[in-house]
Amino acid sequence: MIQTVATSSFQPPMSESRKRIIKQAFAKLDKSGDGVITVDDLKGVYNAKKHPKFINGEWSEAECFKHFLATFEAPEEKDGKVTAEEFENYYSGVSASIDEDVYFDLMMRNSWKI
């Protein structure tokens, strides 16, 4: 029997070091520690007030947070909540374009200040 995996078959498997840094970033964002990143978790971690659409008055701070979260969500499940699996799946796609673990690690540390 063949077992299927939830990630795309076009993406190579990630190393344990990449998975570890993704988990660290997720933990930093998940302020409540409930295993889901929400708008409330982002406050104090993501500065929406510097977003161009906030600056020009097109979006509220809450809308900036919602759009930011949506980038990590599965296309068929835009519910304003990002699970650890959705976060890892997003970074699995990013990971596929970065050859060296050391560069992936650096990108994650710089992006999330970890």
C-alpha atoms as a PDB file:
ATOM      1  CA  MET A   1       0.000   0.000   0.000  1.00  0.00           C
ATOM      2  CA  ILE A   2       1.320   3.445  -0.938  1.00  0.00           C
ATOM      3  CA  GLN A   3       1.102   6.167   1.683  1.00  0.00           C
ATOM      4  CA  THR A   4       0.522   9.737   0.504  1.00  0.00           C
ATOM      5  CA  VAL A   5       1.989  12.832   2.092  1.00  0.00           C
ATOM      6  CA  ALA A   6       0.145  16.161   2.432  1.00  0.00           C
ATOM      7  CA  THR A   7       2.955  18.238   0.902  1.00  0.00           C
ATOM      8  CA  SER A   8       3.410  18.747  -2.807  1.00  0.00           C
ATOM      9  CA  SER A   9       5.227  15.992  -4.649  1.00  0.00           C
ATOM     10  CA  PHE A  10       7.179  18.677  -6.518  1.00  0.00           C
ATOM     11  CA  GLN A  11       8.965  19.851  -3.384  1.00  0.00           C
ATOM     12  CA  PRO A  12      11.980  17.974  -2.071  1.00  0.00           C
ATOM     13  CA  PRO A  13      11.844  16.872   1.576  1.00  0.00           C
ATOM     14  CA  MET A  14      13.264  19.388   4.036  1.00  0.00           C
ATOM     15  CA  SER A  15      16.185  18.660   6.320  1.00  0.00           C
ATOM     16  CA  GLU A  16      15.602  18.423  10.054  1.00  0.00           C
ATOM     17  CA  SER A  17      17.545  21.669  10.592  1.00  0.00           C
ATOM     18  CA  ARG A  18      15.110  23.518   8.290  1.00  0.00           C
ATOM     19  CA  LYS A  19      12.102  22.036  10.063  1.00  0.00           C
ATOM     20  CA  ARG A  20      13.605  23.048  13.402  1.00  0.00           C
ATOM     21  CA  ILE A  21      14.060  26.720  12.428  1.00  0.00           C
ATOM     22  CA  ILE A  22      10.525  26.812  10.969  1.00  0.00           C
ATOM     23  CA  LYS A  23       9.198  25.519  14.308  1.00  0.00           C
ATOM     24  CA  GLN A  24      11.167  28.227  16.142  1.00  0.00           C
ATOM     25  CA  ALA A  25       9.646  30.925  13.916  1.00  0.00           C
ATOM     26  CA  PHE A  26       6.160  29.499  14.400  1.00  0.00           C
ATOM     27  CA  ALA A  27       6.628  29.427  18.178  1.00  0.00           C
ATOM     28  CA  LYS A  28       7.712  33.079  18.147  1.00  0.00           C
ATOM     29  CA  LEU A  29       4.587  34.074  16.237  1.00  0.00           C
ATOM     30  CA  ASP A  30       2.235  31.871  18.265  1.00  0.00           C
ATOM     31  CA  LYS A  31       2.185  34.181  21.302  1.00  0.00           C
ATOM     32  CA  SER A  32      -0.767  32.391  22.917  1.00  0.00           C
ATOM     33  CA  GLY A  33       0.926  28.998  22.557  1.00  0.00           C
ATOM     34  CA  ASP A  34      -2.284  27.352  21.335  1.00  0.00           C
ATOM     35  CA  GLY A  35      -0.753  25.975  18.128  1.00  0.00           C
ATOM     36  CA  VAL A  36      -2.464  28.485  15.835  1.00  0.00           C
ATOM     37  CA  ILE A  37      -1.294  31.930  14.693  1.00  0.00           C
ATOM     38  CA  THR A  38      -4.078  34.529  14.706  1.00  0.00           C
ATOM     39  CA  VAL A  39      -4.311  38.295  14.311  1.00  0.00           C
ATOM     40  CA  ASP A  40      -3.976  38.653  18.092  1.00  0.00           C
ATOM     41  CA  ASP A  41      -0.718  36.680  18.030  1.00  0.00           C
ATOM     42  CA  LEU A  42       0.745  39.016  15.399  1.00  0.00           C
ATOM     43  CA  LYS A  43       0.308  42.190  17.438  1.00  0.00           C
ATOM     44  CA  GLY A  44       3.729  43.204  18.669  1.00  0.00           C
ATOM     45  CA  VAL A  45       5.488  40.837  16.243  1.00  0.00           C
ATOM     46  CA  TYR A  46       4.414  42.232  12.853  1.00  0.00           C
ATOM     47  CA  ASN A  47       4.228  46.012  12.347  1.00  0.00           C
ATOM     48  CA  ALA A  48       1.263  46.530  10.039  1.00  0.00           C
ATOM     49  CA  LYS A  49       1.555  50.312  10.306  1.00  0.00           C
ATOM     50  CA  LYS A  50       4.451  50.260   7.827  1.00  0.00           C
ATOM     51  CA  HIS A  51       2.441  48.388   5.188  1.00  0.00           C
ATOM     52  CA  PRO A  52       1.920  50.607   2.101  1.00  0.00           C
ATOM     53  CA  LYS A  53      -1.828  49.964   2.068  1.00  0.00           C
ATOM     54  CA  PHE A  54      -2.101  51.003   5.720  1.00  0.00           C
ATOM     55  CA  ILE A  55      -0.056  54.127   5.079  1.00  0.00           C
ATOM     56  CA  ASN A  56      -2.257  55.175   2.149  1.00  0.00           C
ATOM     57  CA  GLY A  57      -5.436  54.457   4.127  1.00  0.00           C
ATOM     58  CA  GLU A  58      -6.663  51.613   1.915  1.00  0.00           C
ATOM     59  CA  TRP A  59      -6.451  48.975   4.677  1.00  0.00           C
ATOM     60  CA  SER A  60      -6.893  49.084   8.439  1.00  0.00           C
ATOM     61  CA  GLU A  61      -4.276  47.527  10.705  1.00  0.00           C
ATOM     62  CA  ALA A  62      -6.578  44.493  11.132  1.00  0.00           C
ATOM     63  CA  GLU A  63      -6.859  44.079   7.344  1.00  0.00           C
ATOM     64  CA  CYS A  64      -3.063  44.164   7.036  1.00  0.00           C
ATOM     65  CA  PHE A  65      -2.818  41.390   9.631  1.00  0.00           C
ATOM     66  CA  LYS A  66      -5.469  39.295   7.848  1.00  0.00           C
ATOM     67  CA  HIS A  67      -3.735  39.626   4.465  1.00  0.00           C
ATOM     68  CA  PHE A  68      -0.385  38.788   6.042  1.00  0.00           C
ATOM     69  CA  LEU A  69      -1.816  35.622   7.627  1.00  0.00           C
ATOM     70  CA  ALA A  70      -3.493  34.638   4.355  1.00  0.00           C
ATOM     71  CA  THR A  71      -0.084  34.267   2.684  1.00  0.00           C
ATOM     72  CA  PHE A  72       0.617  31.242   4.909  1.00  0.00           C
ATOM     73  CA  GLU A  73      -2.787  29.599   4.605  1.00  0.00           C
ATOM     74  CA  ALA A  74      -3.799  26.862   2.218  1.00  0.00           C
ATOM     75  CA  PRO A  75      -5.755  28.366  -0.720  1.00  0.00           C
ATOM     76  CA  GLU A  76      -8.854  26.341   0.079  1.00  0.00           C
ATOM     77  CA  GLU A  77      -8.855  27.262   3.779  1.00  0.00           C
ATOM     78  CA  LYS A  78      -8.583  31.014   4.336  1.00  0.00           C
ATOM     79  CA  ASP A  79      -9.922  31.223   7.889  1.00  0.00           C
ATOM     80  CA  GLY A  80      -7.555  33.782   9.441  1.00  0.00           C
ATOM     81  CA  LYS A  81      -5.775  31.077  11.429  1.00  0.00           C
ATOM     82  CA  VAL A  82      -2.420  29.581  10.500  1.00  0.00           C
ATOM     83  CA  THR A  83      -1.623  26.129  11.834  1.00  0.00           C
ATOM     84  CA  ALA A  84       1.885  24.760  12.284  1.00  0.00           C
ATOM     85  CA  GLU A  85       1.250  22.488   9.280  1.00  0.00           C
ATOM     86  CA  GLU A  86       0.211  25.409   7.034  1.00  0.00           C
ATOM     87  CA  PHE A  87       3.268  27.391   8.177  1.00  0.00           C
ATOM     88  CA  GLU A  88       5.598  24.470   7.450  1.00  0.00           C
ATOM     89  CA  ASN A  89       3.952  23.839   4.070  1.00  0.00           C
ATOM     90  CA  TYR A  90       4.463  27.488   3.119  1.00  0.00           C
ATOM     91  CA  TYR A  91       8.139  27.339   4.058  1.00  0.00           C
ATOM     92  CA  SER A  92       8.529  24.006   2.309  1.00  0.00           C
ATOM     93  CA  GLY A  93       7.826  25.903  -0.910  1.00  0.00           C
ATOM     94  CA  VAL A  94      10.336  28.596   0.023  1.00  0.00           C
ATOM     95  CA  SER A  95      12.848  25.922   1.017  1.00  0.00           C
ATOM     96  CA  ALA A  96      12.698  24.309  -2.406  1.00  0.00           C
ATOM     97  CA  SER A  97      14.285  27.420  -3.941  1.00  0.00           C
ATOM     98  CA  ILE A  98      17.177  27.636  -1.448  1.00  0.00           C
ATOM     99  CA  ASP A  99      19.963  25.109  -1.987  1.00  0.00           C
ATOM    100  CA  GLU A 100      21.966  25.391   1.217  1.00  0.00           C
ATOM    101  CA  ASP A 101      20.636  24.831   4.737  1.00  0.00           C
ATOM    102  CA  VAL A 102      22.860  27.615   6.046  1.00  0.00           C
ATOM    103  CA  TYR A 103      21.199  30.166   3.714  1.00  0.00           C
ATOM    104  CA  PHE A 104      17.710  28.963   4.614  1.00  0.00           C
ATOM    105  CA  ASP A 105      18.591  29.240   8.304  1.00  0.00           C
ATOM    106  CA  LEU A 106      19.969  32.767   7.812  1.00  0.00           C
ATOM    107  CA  MET A 107      16.878  33.862   5.890  1.00  0.00           C
ATOM    108  CA  MET A 108      14.566  32.553   8.630  1.00  0.00           C
ATOM    109  CA  ARG A 109      16.606  34.103  11.444  1.00  0.00           C
ATOM    110  CA  ASN A 110      16.712  37.472   9.695  1.00  0.00           C
ATOM    111  CA  SER A 111      13.034  37.384   8.735  1.00  0.00           C
ATOM    112  CA  TRP A 112      11.740  36.481  12.183  1.00  0.00           C
ATOM    113  CA  LYS A 113      14.573  37.876  14.331  1.00  0.00           C
ATOM    114  CA  ILE A 114      15.304  34.558  16.021  1.00  0.00           C
END
